[in-house]
PDB file of N, CA and C in Angstrom:
ATOM      1  N   MET A   1      32.065-178.125  56.334  1.00  0.00           N
ATOM      2  CA  MET A   1      31.915-177.566  54.992  1.00  0.00           C
ATOM      3  C   MET A   1      32.828-176.346  54.801  1.00  0.00           C
ATOM      4  N   GLU A   2      33.016-175.587  55.885  1.00  0.00           N
ATOM      5  CA  GLU A   2      33.858-174.401  55.804  1.00  0.00           C
ATOM      6  C   GLU A   2      35.290-174.780  55.420  1.00  0.00           C
ATOM      7  N   LEU A   3      35.796-175.868  55.983  1.00  0.00           N
ATOM      8  CA  LEU A   3      37.157-176.314  55.641  1.00  0.00           C
ATOM      9  C   LEU A   3      37.245-176.738  54.187  1.00  0.00           C
ATOM     10  N   PHE A   4      36.186-177.358  53.678  1.00  0.00           N
ATOM     11  CA  PHE A   4      36.178-177.753  52.271  1.00  0.00           C
ATOM     12  C   PHE A   4      36.394-176.541  51.374  1.00  0.00           C
ATOM     13  N   PHE A   5      35.636-175.461  51.651  1.00  0.00           N
ATOM     14  CA  PHE A   5      35.747-174.266  50.818  1.00  0.00           C
ATOM     15  C   PHE A   5      37.084-173.556  51.019  1.00  0.00           C
ATOM     16  N   LEU A   6      37.621-173.645  52.222  1.00  0.00           N
ATOM     17  CA  LEU A   6      38.954-173.086  52.471  1.00  0.00           C
ATOM     18  C   LEU A   6      40.000-173.820  51.644  1.00  0.00           C
ATOM     19  N   TYR A   7      39.974-175.142  51.692  1.00  0.00           N
ATOM     20  CA  TYR A   7      40.943-175.929  50.923  1.00  0.00           C
ATOM     21  C   TYR A   7      40.719-175.786  49.417  1.00  0.00           C
ATOM     22  N   LEU A   8      39.463-175.662  49.018  1.00  0.00           N
ATOM     23  CA  LEU A   8      39.159-175.418  47.609  1.00  0.00           C
ATOM     24  C   LEU A   8      39.780-174.104  47.163  1.00  0.00           C
ATOM     25  N   MET A   9      39.612-173.058  47.976  1.00  0.00           N
ATOM     26  CA  MET A   9      40.193-171.764  47.627  1.00  0.00           C
ATOM     27  C   MET A   9      41.708-171.873  47.540  1.00  0.00           C
ATOM     28  N   GLY A  10      42.323-172.502  48.525  1.00  0.00           N
ATOM     29  CA  GLY A  10      43.773-172.666  48.483  1.00  0.00           C
ATOM     30  C   GLY A  10      44.223-173.401  47.238  1.00  0.00           C
ATOM     31  N   GLY A  11      43.521-174.473  46.902  1.00  0.00           N
ATOM     32  CA  GLY A  11      43.857-175.248  45.710  1.00  0.00           C
ATOM     33  C   GLY A  11      43.706-174.456  44.426  1.00  0.00           C
ATOM     34  N   ILE A  12      42.672-173.641  44.358  1.00  0.00           N
ATOM     35  CA  ILE A  12      42.446-172.811  43.163  1.00  0.00           C
ATOM     36  C   ILE A  12      43.604-171.840  42.968  1.00  0.00           C
ATOM     37  N   TYR A  13      44.032-171.191  44.061  1.00  0.00           N
ATOM     38  CA  TYR A  13      45.122-170.221  43.929  1.00  0.00           C
ATOM     39  C   TYR A  13      46.454-170.901  43.630  1.00  0.00           C
ATOM     40  N   ILE A  14      46.685-172.051  44.221  1.00  0.00           N
ATOM     41  CA  ILE A  14      47.917-172.790  43.913  1.00  0.00           C
ATOM     42  C   ILE A  14      47.924-173.188  42.435  1.00  0.00           C
ATOM     43  N   PHE A  15      46.807-173.735  41.961  1.00  0.00           N
ATOM     44  CA  PHE A  15      46.711-174.133  40.557  1.00  0.00           C
ATOM     45  C   PHE A  15      46.891-172.934  39.629  1.00  0.00           C
ATOM     46  N   ALA A  16      46.194-171.832  39.946  1.00  0.00           N
ATOM     47  CA  ALA A  16      46.300-170.626  39.106  1.00  0.00           C
ATOM     48  C   ALA A  16      47.735-170.112  39.106  1.00  0.00           C
ATOM     49  N   GLY A  17      48.378-170.137  40.256  1.00  0.00           N
ATOM     50  CA  GLY A  17      49.766-169.686  40.333  1.00  0.00           C
ATOM     51  C   GLY A  17      50.695-170.531  39.497  1.00  0.00           C
ATOM     52  N   ILE A  18      50.514-171.828  39.546  1.00  0.00           N
ATOM     53  CA  ILE A  18      51.336-172.738  38.737  1.00  0.00           C
ATOM     54  C   ILE A  18      51.119-172.460  37.254  1.00  0.00           C
ATOM     55  N   MET A  19      49.874-172.183  36.882  1.00  0.00           N
ATOM     56  CA  MET A  19      49.569-171.915  35.477  1.00  0.00           C
ATOM     57  C   MET A  19      50.279-170.663  34.960  1.00  0.00           C
ATOM     58  N   HIS A  20      50.600-169.726  35.839  1.00  0.00           N
ATOM     59  CA  HIS A  20      51.370-168.546  35.425  1.00  0.00           C
ATOM     60  C   HIS A  20      52.731-168.950  34.864  1.00  0.00           C
ATOM     61  N   PHE A  21      53.254-170.083  35.321  1.00  0.00           N
ATOM     62  CA  PHE A  21      54.557-170.559  34.863  1.00  0.00           C
ATOM     63  C   PHE A  21      54.433-171.588  33.735  1.00  0.00           C
ATOM     64  N   VAL A  22      53.328-172.329  33.726  1.00  0.00           N
ATOM     65  CA  VAL A  22      53.102-173.340  32.687  1.00  0.00           C
ATOM     66  C   VAL A  22      52.655-172.685  31.380  1.00  0.00           C
ATOM     67  N   LYS A  23      51.761-171.720  31.463  1.00  0.00           N
ATOM     68  CA  LYS A  23      51.208-171.018  30.291  1.00  0.00           C
ATOM     69  C   LYS A  23      51.368-169.506  30.466  1.00  0.00           C
ATOM     70  N   PRO A  24      52.586-169.014  30.569  1.00  0.00           N
ATOM     71  CA  PRO A  24      52.772-167.587  30.867  1.00  0.00           C
ATOM     72  C   PRO A  24      52.187-166.646  29.815  1.00  0.00           C
ATOM     73  N   ARG A  25      52.211-167.039  28.548  1.00  0.00           N
ATOM     74  CA  ARG A  25      51.690-166.151  27.496  1.00  0.00           C
ATOM     75  C   ARG A  25      50.230-165.803  27.708  1.00  0.00           C
ATOM     76  N   MET A  26      49.478-166.765  28.232  1.00  0.00           N
ATOM     77  CA  MET A  26      48.051-166.549  28.481  1.00  0.00           C
ATOM     78  C   MET A  26      47.853-165.381  29.452  1.00  0.00           C
ATOM     79  N   TYR A  27      48.706-165.284  30.446  1.00  0.00           N
ATOM     80  CA  TYR A  27      48.592-164.230  31.461  1.00  0.00           C
ATOM     81  C   TYR A  27      49.268-162.937  31.010  1.00  0.00           C
ATOM     82  N   ILE A  28      50.397-163.061  30.363  1.00  0.00           N
ATOM     83  CA  ILE A  28      51.141-161.878  29.919  1.00  0.00           C
ATOM     84  C   ILE A  28      50.305-161.061  28.936  1.00  0.00           C
ATOM     85  N   ARG A  29      49.525-161.741  28.106  1.00  0.00           N
ATOM     86  CA  ARG A  29      48.688-161.051  27.116  1.00  0.00           C
ATOM     87  C   ARG A  29      47.658-160.120  27.730  1.00  0.00           C
ATOM     88  N   ILE A  30      47.236-160.418  28.960  1.00  0.00           N
ATOM     89  CA  ILE A  30      46.168-159.590  29.547  1.00  0.00           C
ATOM     90  C   ILE A  30      46.716-158.503  30.472  1.00  0.00           C
ATOM     91  N   ILE A  31      48.021-158.405  30.600  1.00  0.00           N
ATOM     92  CA  ILE A  31      48.608-157.330  31.395  1.00  0.00           C
ATOM     93  C   ILE A  31      48.557-156.057  30.553  1.00  0.00           C
ATOM     94  N   PRO A  32      47.913-155.018  31.074  1.00  0.00           N
ATOM     95  CA  PRO A  32      47.801-153.773  30.290  1.00  0.00           C
ATOM     96  C   PRO A  32      49.179-153.246  29.884  1.00  0.00           C
ATOM     97  N   PRO A  33      49.276-152.666  28.698  1.00  0.00           N
ATOM     98  CA  PRO A  33      50.574-152.238  28.171  1.00  0.00           C
ATOM     99  C   PRO A  33      51.257-151.136  28.978  1.00  0.00           C
ATOM    100  N   PHE A  34      50.513-150.429  29.816  1.00  0.00           N
ATOM    101  CA  PHE A  34      51.144-149.361  30.596  1.00  0.00           C
ATOM    102  C   PHE A  34      51.883-149.884  31.824  1.00  0.00           C
ATOM    103  N   PHE A  35      51.778-151.210  32.098  1.00  0.00           N
ATOM    104  CA  PHE A  35      52.558-151.819  33.172  1.00  0.00           C
ATOM    105  C   PHE A  35      53.903-152.275  32.611  1.00  0.00           C
ATOM    106  N   PRO A  36      54.995-151.961  33.310  1.00  0.00           N
ATOM    107  CA  PRO A  36      56.321-152.369  32.821  1.00  0.00           C
ATOM    108  C   PRO A  36      56.590-153.849  33.110  1.00  0.00           C
ATOM    109  N   ASN A  37      57.453-154.447  32.327  1.00  0.00           N
ATOM    110  CA  ASN A  37      57.946-155.821  32.546  1.00  0.00           C
ATOM    111  C   ASN A  37      56.846-156.854  32.778  1.00  0.00           C
ATOM    112  N   PRO A  38      55.992-157.089  31.788  1.00  0.00           N
ATOM    113  CA  PRO A  38      54.890-158.037  31.986  1.00  0.00           C
ATOM    114  C   PRO A  38      55.353-159.444  32.374  1.00  0.00           C
ATOM    115  N   LYS A  39      56.506-159.879  31.872  1.00  0.00           N
ATOM    116  CA  LYS A  39      56.988-161.221  32.238  1.00  0.00           C
ATOM    117  C   LYS A  39      57.293-161.305  33.728  1.00  0.00           C
ATOM    118  N   VAL A  40      57.925-160.258  34.238  1.00  0.00           N
ATOM    119  CA  VAL A  40      58.260-160.229  35.672  1.00  0.00           C
ATOM    120  C   VAL A  40      56.981-160.130  36.506  1.00  0.00           C
ATOM    121  N   LEU A  41      56.059-159.278  36.095  1.00  0.00           N
ATOM    122  CA  LEU A  41      54.799-159.137  36.826  1.00  0.00           C
ATOM    123  C   LEU A  41      54.022-160.451  36.842  1.00  0.00           C
ATOM    124  N   ASN A  42      54.030-161.162  35.737  1.00  0.00           N
ATOM    125  CA  ASN A  42      53.365-162.455  35.667  1.00  0.00           C
ATOM    126  C   ASN A  42      53.987-163.430  36.657  1.00  0.00           C
ATOM    127  N   ALA A  43      55.306-163.488  36.691  1.00  0.00           N
ATOM    128  CA  ALA A  43      55.996-164.399  37.599  1.00  0.00           C
ATOM    129  C   ALA A  43      55.723-164.030  39.063  1.00  0.00           C
ATOM    130  N   ILE A  44      55.719-162.738  39.357  1.00  0.00           N
ATOM    131  CA  ILE A  44      55.443-162.291  40.726  1.00  0.00           C
ATOM    132  C   ILE A  44      54.021-162.676  41.132  1.00  0.00           C
ATOM    133  N   ALA A  45      53.058-162.413  40.248  1.00  0.00           N
ATOM    134  CA  ALA A  45      51.663-162.757  40.553  1.00  0.00           C
ATOM    135  C   ALA A  45      51.520-164.265  40.757  1.00  0.00           C
ATOM    136  N   GLY A  46      52.140-165.051  39.898  1.00  0.00           N
ATOM    137  CA  GLY A  46      52.068-166.502  40.032  1.00  0.00           C
ATOM    138  C   GLY A  46      52.683-166.995  41.332  1.00  0.00           C
ATOM    139  N   ALA A  47      53.841-166.449  41.676  1.00  0.00           N
ATOM    140  CA  ALA A  47      54.498-166.848  42.921  1.00  0.00           C
ATOM    141  C   ALA A  47      53.637-166.487  44.127  1.00  0.00           C
ATOM    142  N   PHE A  48      53.065-165.282  44.115  1.00  0.00           N
ATOM    143  CA  PHE A  48      52.204-164.880  45.230  1.00  0.00           C
ATOM    144  C   PHE A  48      50.966-165.766  45.322  1.00  0.00           C
ATOM    145  N   GLU A  49      50.384-166.139  44.190  1.00  0.00           N
ATOM    146  CA  GLU A  49      49.204-167.013  44.235  1.00  0.00           C
ATOM    147  C   GLU A  49      49.554-168.357  44.863  1.00  0.00           C
ATOM    148  N   ILE A  50      50.697-168.916  44.508  1.00  0.00           N
ATOM    149  CA  ILE A  50      51.116-170.193  45.087  1.00  0.00           C
ATOM    150  C   ILE A  50      51.368-170.046  46.585  1.00  0.00           C
ATOM    151  N   ILE A  51      52.132-169.043  46.963  1.00  0.00           N
ATOM    152  CA  ILE A  51      52.472-168.832  48.375  1.00  0.00           C
ATOM    153  C   ILE A  51      51.223-168.574  49.208  1.00  0.00           C
ATOM    154  N   LEU A  52      50.364-167.687  48.727  1.00  0.00           N
ATOM    155  CA  LEU A  52      49.160-167.356  49.486  1.00  0.00           C
ATOM    156  C   LEU A  52      48.193-168.538  49.544  1.00  0.00           C
ATOM    157  N   GLY A  53      48.089-169.283  48.451  1.00  0.00           N
ATOM    158  CA  GLY A  53      47.241-170.474  48.452  1.00  0.00           C
ATOM    159  C   GLY A  53      47.726-171.491  49.475  1.00  0.00           C
ATOM    160  N   LEU A  54      49.028-171.714  49.538  1.00  0.00           N
ATOM    161  CA  LEU A  54      49.587-172.631  50.537  1.00  0.00           C
ATOM    162  C   LEU A  54      49.386-172.099  51.952  1.00  0.00           C
ATOM    163  N   ALA A  55      49.555-170.790  52.124  1.00  0.00           N
ATOM    164  CA  ALA A  55      49.430-170.193  53.456  1.00  0.00           C
ATOM    165  C   ALA A  55      48.010-170.293  54.008  1.00  0.00           C
ATOM    166  N   LEU A  56      47.016-170.431  53.137  1.00  0.00           N
ATOM    167  CA  LEU A  56      45.638-170.618  53.610  1.00  0.00           C
ATOM    168  C   LEU A  56      45.469-171.911  54.401  1.00  0.00           C
ATOM    169  N   PHE A  57      46.299-172.894  54.134  1.00  0.00           N
ATOM    170  CA  PHE A  57      46.147-174.204  54.774  1.00  0.00           C
ATOM    171  C   PHE A  57      46.560-174.219  56.247  1.00  0.00           C
ATOM    172  N   PHE A  58      47.262-173.191  56.694  1.00  0.00           N
ATOM    173  CA  PHE A  58      47.792-173.177  58.050  1.00  0.00           C
ATOM    174  C   PHE A  58      47.097-172.103  58.881  1.00  0.00           C
ATOM    175  N   PRO A  59      46.519-172.472  60.019  1.00  0.00           N
ATOM    176  CA  PRO A  59      45.807-171.499  60.847  1.00  0.00           C
ATOM    177  C   PRO A  59      46.653-170.271  61.216  1.00  0.00           C
ATOM    178  N   SER A  60      47.938-170.461  61.418  1.00  0.00           N
ATOM    179  CA  SER A  60      48.793-169.348  61.836  1.00  0.00           C
ATOM    180  C   SER A  60      49.020-168.316  60.731  1.00  0.00           C
ATOM    181  N   THR A  61      48.832-168.701  59.466  1.00  0.00           N
ATOM    182  CA  THR A  61      49.059-167.773  58.348  1.00  0.00           C
ATOM    183  C   THR A  61      47.786-167.496  57.543  1.00  0.00           C
ATOM    184  N   ARG A  62      46.707-168.111  57.943  1.00  0.00           N
ATOM    185  CA  ARG A  62      45.458-168.035  57.152  1.00  0.00           C
ATOM    186  C   ARG A  62      44.953-166.604  56.983  1.00  0.00           C
ATOM    187  N   SER A  63      44.898-165.858  58.049  1.00  0.00           N
ATOM    188  CA  SER A  63      44.366-164.495  57.983  1.00  0.00           C
ATOM    189  C   SER A  63      45.246-163.598  57.111  1.00  0.00           C
ATOM    190  N   ILE A  64      46.545-163.700  57.275  1.00  0.00           N
ATOM    191  CA  ILE A  64      47.472-162.909  56.454  1.00  0.00           C
ATOM    192  C   ILE A  64      47.348-163.307  54.985  1.00  0.00           C
ATOM    193  N   ALA A  65      47.202-164.611  54.740  1.00  0.00           N
ATOM    194  CA  ALA A  65      47.046-165.091  53.360  1.00  0.00           C
ATOM    195  C   ALA A  65      45.760-164.549  52.748  1.00  0.00           C
ATOM    196  N   ALA A  66      44.678-164.539  53.517  1.00  0.00           N
ATOM    197  CA  ALA A  66      43.403-164.033  53.002  1.00  0.00           C
ATOM    198  C   ALA A  66      43.520-162.545  52.663  1.00  0.00           C
ATOM    199  N   ILE A  67      44.179-161.783  53.516  1.00  0.00           N
ATOM    200  CA  ILE A  67      44.391-160.360  53.226  1.00  0.00           C
ATOM    201  C   ILE A  67      45.256-160.214  51.970  1.00  0.00           C
ATOM    202  N   GLY A  68      46.294-161.040  51.867  1.00  0.00           N
ATOM    203  CA  GLY A  68      47.151-161.007  50.680  1.00  0.00           C
ATOM    204  C   GLY A  68      46.382-161.324  49.408  1.00  0.00           C
ATOM    205  N   ILE A  69      45.482-162.289  49.484  1.00  0.00           N
ATOM    206  CA  ILE A  69      44.665-162.653  48.317  1.00  0.00           C
ATOM    207  C   ILE A  69      43.756-161.487  47.924  1.00  0.00           C
ATOM    208  N   ILE A  70      43.168-160.838  48.909  1.00  0.00           N
ATOM    209  CA  ILE A  70      42.317-159.675  48.625  1.00  0.00           C
ATOM    210  C   ILE A  70      43.135-158.597  47.913  1.00  0.00           C
ATOM    211  N   LEU A  71      44.315-158.319  48.427  1.00  0.00           N
ATOM    212  CA  LEU A  71      45.177-157.301  47.802  1.00  0.00           C
ATOM    213  C   LEU A  71      45.600-157.725  46.399  1.00  0.00           C
ATOM    214  N   LEU A  72      45.897-159.002  46.227  1.00  0.00           N
ATOM    215  CA  LEU A  72      46.275-159.509  44.911  1.00  0.00           C
ATOM    216  C   LEU A  72      45.120-159.380  43.920  1.00  0.00           C
ATOM    217  N   LEU A  73      43.919-159.719  44.362  1.00  0.00           N
ATOM    218  CA  LEU A  73      42.751-159.601  43.483  1.00  0.00           C
ATOM    219  C   LEU A  73      42.516-158.151  43.065  1.00  0.00           C
ATOM    220  N   LEU A  74      42.742-157.231  43.984  1.00  0.00           N
ATOM    221  CA  LEU A  74      42.614-155.821  43.636  1.00  0.00           C
ATOM    222  C   LEU A  74      43.721-155.395  42.667  1.00  0.00           C
ATOM    223  N   ALA A  75      44.915-155.919  42.875  1.00  0.00           N
ATOM    224  CA  ALA A  75      46.054-155.551  42.025  1.00  0.00           C
ATOM    225  C   ALA A  75      45.890-156.051  40.589  1.00  0.00           C
ATOM    226  N   VAL A  76      45.270-157.214  40.418  1.00  0.00           N
ATOM    227  CA  VAL A  76      45.141-157.772  39.064  1.00  0.00           C
ATOM    228  C   VAL A  76      43.841-157.344  38.379  1.00  0.00           C
ATOM    229  N   PHE A  77      43.009-156.588  39.075  1.00  0.00           N
ATOM    230  CA  PHE A  77      41.748-156.152  38.479  1.00  0.00           C
ATOM    231  C   PHE A  77      41.941-155.368  37.183  1.00  0.00           C
ATOM    232  N   PRO A  78      42.964-154.503  37.083  1.00  0.00           N
ATOM    233  CA  PRO A  78      43.178-153.823  35.795  1.00  0.00           C
ATOM    234  C   PRO A  78      43.399-154.793  34.627  1.00  0.00           C
ATOM    235  N   ALA A  79      44.004-155.928  34.893  1.00  0.00           N
ATOM    236  CA  ALA A  79      44.195-156.924  33.834  1.00  0.00           C
ATOM    237  C   ALA A  79      42.852-157.482  33.373  1.00  0.00           C
ATOM    238  N   ASN A  80      41.927-157.666  34.305  1.00  0.00           N
ATOM    239  CA  ASN A  80      40.605-158.171  33.929  1.00  0.00           C
ATOM    240  C   ASN A  80      39.838-157.138  33.112  1.00  0.00           C
ATOM    241  N   ILE A  81      39.960-155.875  33.496  1.00  0.00           N
ATOM    242  CA  ILE A  81      39.315-154.808  32.718  1.00  0.00           C
ATOM    243  C   ILE A  81      39.920-154.748  31.318  1.00  0.00           C
ATOM    244  N   TYR A  82      41.246-154.806  31.256  1.00  0.00           N
ATOM    245  CA  TYR A  82      41.938-154.763  29.959  1.00  0.00           C
ATOM    246  C   TYR A  82      41.528-155.954  29.092  1.00  0.00           C
ATOM    247  N   MET A  83      41.419-157.117  29.699  1.00  0.00           N
ATOM    248  CA  MET A  83      41.023-158.314  28.953  1.00  0.00           C
ATOM    249  C   MET A  83      39.616-158.137  28.385  1.00  0.00           C
ATOM    250  N   TYR A  84      38.714-157.540  29.173  1.00  0.00           N
ATOM    251  CA  TYR A  84      37.357-157.283  28.678  1.00  0.00           C
ATOM    252  C   TYR A  84      37.377-156.288  27.511  1.00  0.00           C
ATOM    253  N   GLN A  85      38.140-155.211  27.665  1.00  0.00           N
ATOM    254  CA  GLN A  85      38.201-154.187  26.626  1.00  0.00           C
ATOM    255  C   GLN A  85      38.820-154.724  25.343  1.00  0.00           C
ATOM    256  N   LYS A  86      39.881-155.487  25.489  1.00  0.00           N
ATOM    257  CA  LYS A  86      40.632-156.003  24.342  1.00  0.00           C
ATOM    258  C   LYS A  86      39.945-157.208  23.706  1.00  0.00           C
ATOM    259  N   GLY A  87      39.266-157.982  24.531  1.00  0.00           N
ATOM    260  CA  GLY A  87      38.699-159.235  24.062  1.00  0.00           C
ATOM    261  C   GLY A  87      39.721-160.340  24.200  1.00  0.00           C
ATOM    262  N   ALA A  88      39.255-161.544  24.216  1.00  0.00           N
ATOM    263  CA  ALA A  88      40.147-162.698  24.347  1.00  0.00           C
ATOM    264  C   ALA A  88      39.695-163.765  23.363  1.00  0.00           C
ATOM    265  N   LYS A  89      40.646-164.292  22.660  1.00  0.00           N
ATOM    266  CA  LYS A  89      40.374-165.313  21.647  1.00  0.00           C
ATOM    267  C   LYS A  89      39.660-166.511  22.282  1.00  0.00           C
ATOM    268  N   GLY A  90      38.499-166.822  21.747  1.00  0.00           N
ATOM    269  CA  GLY A  90      37.758-167.991  22.202  1.00  0.00           C
ATOM    270  C   GLY A  90      36.873-167.773  23.420  1.00  0.00           C
ATOM    271  N   ILE A  91      36.912-166.582  24.015  1.00  0.00           N
ATOM    272  CA  ILE A  91      36.064-166.303  25.180  1.00  0.00           C
ATOM    273  C   ILE A  91      35.055-165.223  24.791  1.00  0.00           C
ATOM    274  N   PRO A  92      33.763-165.532  24.917  1.00  0.00           N
ATOM    275  CA  PRO A  92      32.749-164.540  24.538  1.00  0.00           C
ATOM    276  C   PRO A  92      32.852-163.283  25.404  1.00  0.00           C
ATOM    277  N   LYS A  93      32.512-162.161  24.815  1.00  0.00           N
ATOM    278  CA  LYS A  93      32.586-160.867  25.505  1.00  0.00           C
ATOM    279  C   LYS A  93      31.733-160.872  26.776  1.00  0.00           C
ATOM    280  N   TRP A  94      30.559-161.523  26.740  1.00  0.00           N
ATOM    281  CA  TRP A  94      29.690-161.552  27.912  1.00  0.00           C
ATOM    282  C   TRP A  94      30.366-162.276  29.076  1.00  0.00           C
ATOM    283  N   ALA A  95      31.154-163.309  28.787  1.00  0.00           N
ATOM    284  CA  ALA A  95      31.854-164.048  29.842  1.00  0.00           C
ATOM    285  C   ALA A  95      32.946-163.172  30.468  1.00  0.00           C
ATOM    286  N   LEU A  96      33.605-162.381  29.633  1.00  0.00           N
ATOM    287  CA  LEU A  96      34.624-161.467  30.147  1.00  0.00           C
ATOM    288  C   LEU A  96      33.989-160.386  31.013  1.00  0.00           C
ATOM    289  N   LEU A  97      32.786-159.958  30.648  1.00  0.00           N
ATOM    290  CA  LEU A  97      32.067-158.972  31.439  1.00  0.00           C
ATOM    291  C   LEU A  97      31.645-159.568  32.787  1.00  0.00           C
ATOM    292  N   LEU A  98      31.159-160.794  32.778  1.00  0.00           N
ATOM    293  CA  LEU A  98      30.760-161.455  34.025  1.00  0.00           C
ATOM    294  C   LEU A  98      31.958-161.681  34.956  1.00  0.00           C
ATOM    295  N   ARG A  99      33.132-161.793  34.373  1.00  0.00           N
ATOM    296  CA  ARG A  99      34.336-162.032  35.165  1.00  0.00           C
ATOM    297  C   ARG A  99      34.661-160.838  36.061  1.00  0.00           C
ATOM    298  N   LEU A 100      34.278-159.640  35.649  1.00  0.00           N
ATOM    299  CA  LEU A 100      34.592-158.442  36.433  1.00  0.00           C
ATOM    300  C   LEU A 100      33.944-158.479  37.823  1.00  0.00           C
ATOM    301  N   PRO A 101      32.626-158.669  37.939  1.00  0.00           N
ATOM    302  CA  PRO A 101      32.052-158.742  39.294  1.00  0.00           C
ATOM    303  C   PRO A 101      32.471-160.011  40.041  1.00  0.00           C
ATOM    304  N   LEU A 102      32.899-161.027  39.325  1.00  0.00           N
ATOM    305  CA  LEU A 102      33.382-162.246  39.979  1.00  0.00           C
ATOM    306  C   LEU A 102      34.575-161.939  40.888  1.00  0.00           C
ATOM    307  N   GLN A 103      35.403-160.952  40.509  1.00  0.00           N
ATOM    308  CA  GLN A 103      36.530-160.556  41.361  1.00  0.00           C
ATOM    309  C   GLN A 103      36.035-160.187  42.749  1.00  0.00           C
ATOM    310  N   PHE A 104      34.901-159.496  42.821  1.00  0.00           N
ATOM    311  CA  PHE A 104      34.379-159.058  44.118  1.00  0.00           C
ATOM    312  C   PHE A 104      33.802-160.230  44.911  1.00  0.00           C
ATOM    313  N   VAL A 105      33.285-161.220  44.219  1.00  0.00           N
ATOM    314  CA  VAL A 105      32.846-162.450  44.885  1.00  0.00           C
ATOM    315  C   VAL A 105      34.059-163.158  45.483  1.00  0.00           C
ATOM    316  N   LEU A 106      35.152-163.222  44.718  1.00  0.00           N
ATOM    317  CA  LEU A 106      36.372-163.849  45.213  1.00  0.00           C
ATOM    318  C   LEU A 106      36.957-163.077  46.401  1.00  0.00           C
ATOM    319  N   ILE A 107      36.850-161.754  46.362  1.00  0.00           N
ATOM    320  CA  ILE A 107      37.303-160.937  47.488  1.00  0.00           C
ATOM    321  C   ILE A 107      36.456-161.249  48.726  1.00  0.00           C
ATOM    322  N   ALA A 108      35.145-161.332  48.558  1.00  0.00           N
ATOM    323  CA  ALA A 108      34.264-161.652  49.684  1.00  0.00           C
ATOM    324  C   ALA A 108      34.580-163.038  50.239  1.00  0.00           C
ATOM    325  N   TRP A 109      34.864-163.988  49.354  1.00  0.00           N
ATOM    326  CA  TRP A 109      35.209-165.349  49.778  1.00  0.00           C
ATOM    327  C   TRP A 109      36.486-165.319  50.614  1.00  0.00           C
ATOM    328  N   ALA A 110      37.491-164.606  50.160  1.00  0.00           N
ATOM    329  CA  ALA A 110      38.738-164.507  50.921  1.00  0.00           C
ATOM    330  C   ALA A 110      38.515-163.792  52.242  1.00  0.00           C
ATOM    331  N   PHE A 111      37.641-162.793  52.240  1.00  0.00           N
ATOM    332  CA  PHE A 111      37.381-162.024  53.461  1.00  0.00           C
ATOM    333  C   PHE A 111      36.810-162.909  54.572  1.00  0.00           C
ATOM    334  N   MET A 112      36.167-163.994  54.212  1.00  0.00           N
ATOM    335  CA  MET A 112      35.625-164.934  55.204  1.00  0.00           C
ATOM    336  C   MET A 112      36.718-165.510  56.103  1.00  0.00           C
ATOM    337  N   TYR A 113      37.955-165.497  55.639  1.00  0.00           N
ATOM    338  CA  TYR A 113      39.050-166.130  56.374  1.00  0.00           C
ATOM    339  C   TYR A 113      40.016-165.122  57.001  1.00  0.00           C
ATOM    340  N   VAL A 114      39.637-163.842  56.980  1.00  0.00           N
ATOM    341  CA  VAL A 114      40.495-162.808  57.603  1.00  0.00           C
ATOM    342  C   VAL A 114      40.367-162.902  59.113  1.00  0.00           C
TER     343      VAL A 114
END
């Protein structure tokens, strides 16, 4: 069962990373305005999600990938706060609020593989 959740996590990050390139506007909109070059930041975040998601699949890189995912989740947390403050079209405010503690659940999940 542990491998299932490991591969699920890897797949989620790979998919999310790809979506940064397929639907970049969706991600760029939630980057707080005080961050420079939102297009570049979006591409960097997407690339890291793909790379780290793939790296989870290999025992030799799994621990480093899990640490990278934790750092990435911490780095993008301001975007989640900004999205909650600003609101998002079609997403209820309560769902955006619930998303904030979800980051810490995702961090704990990644920590299982450090």
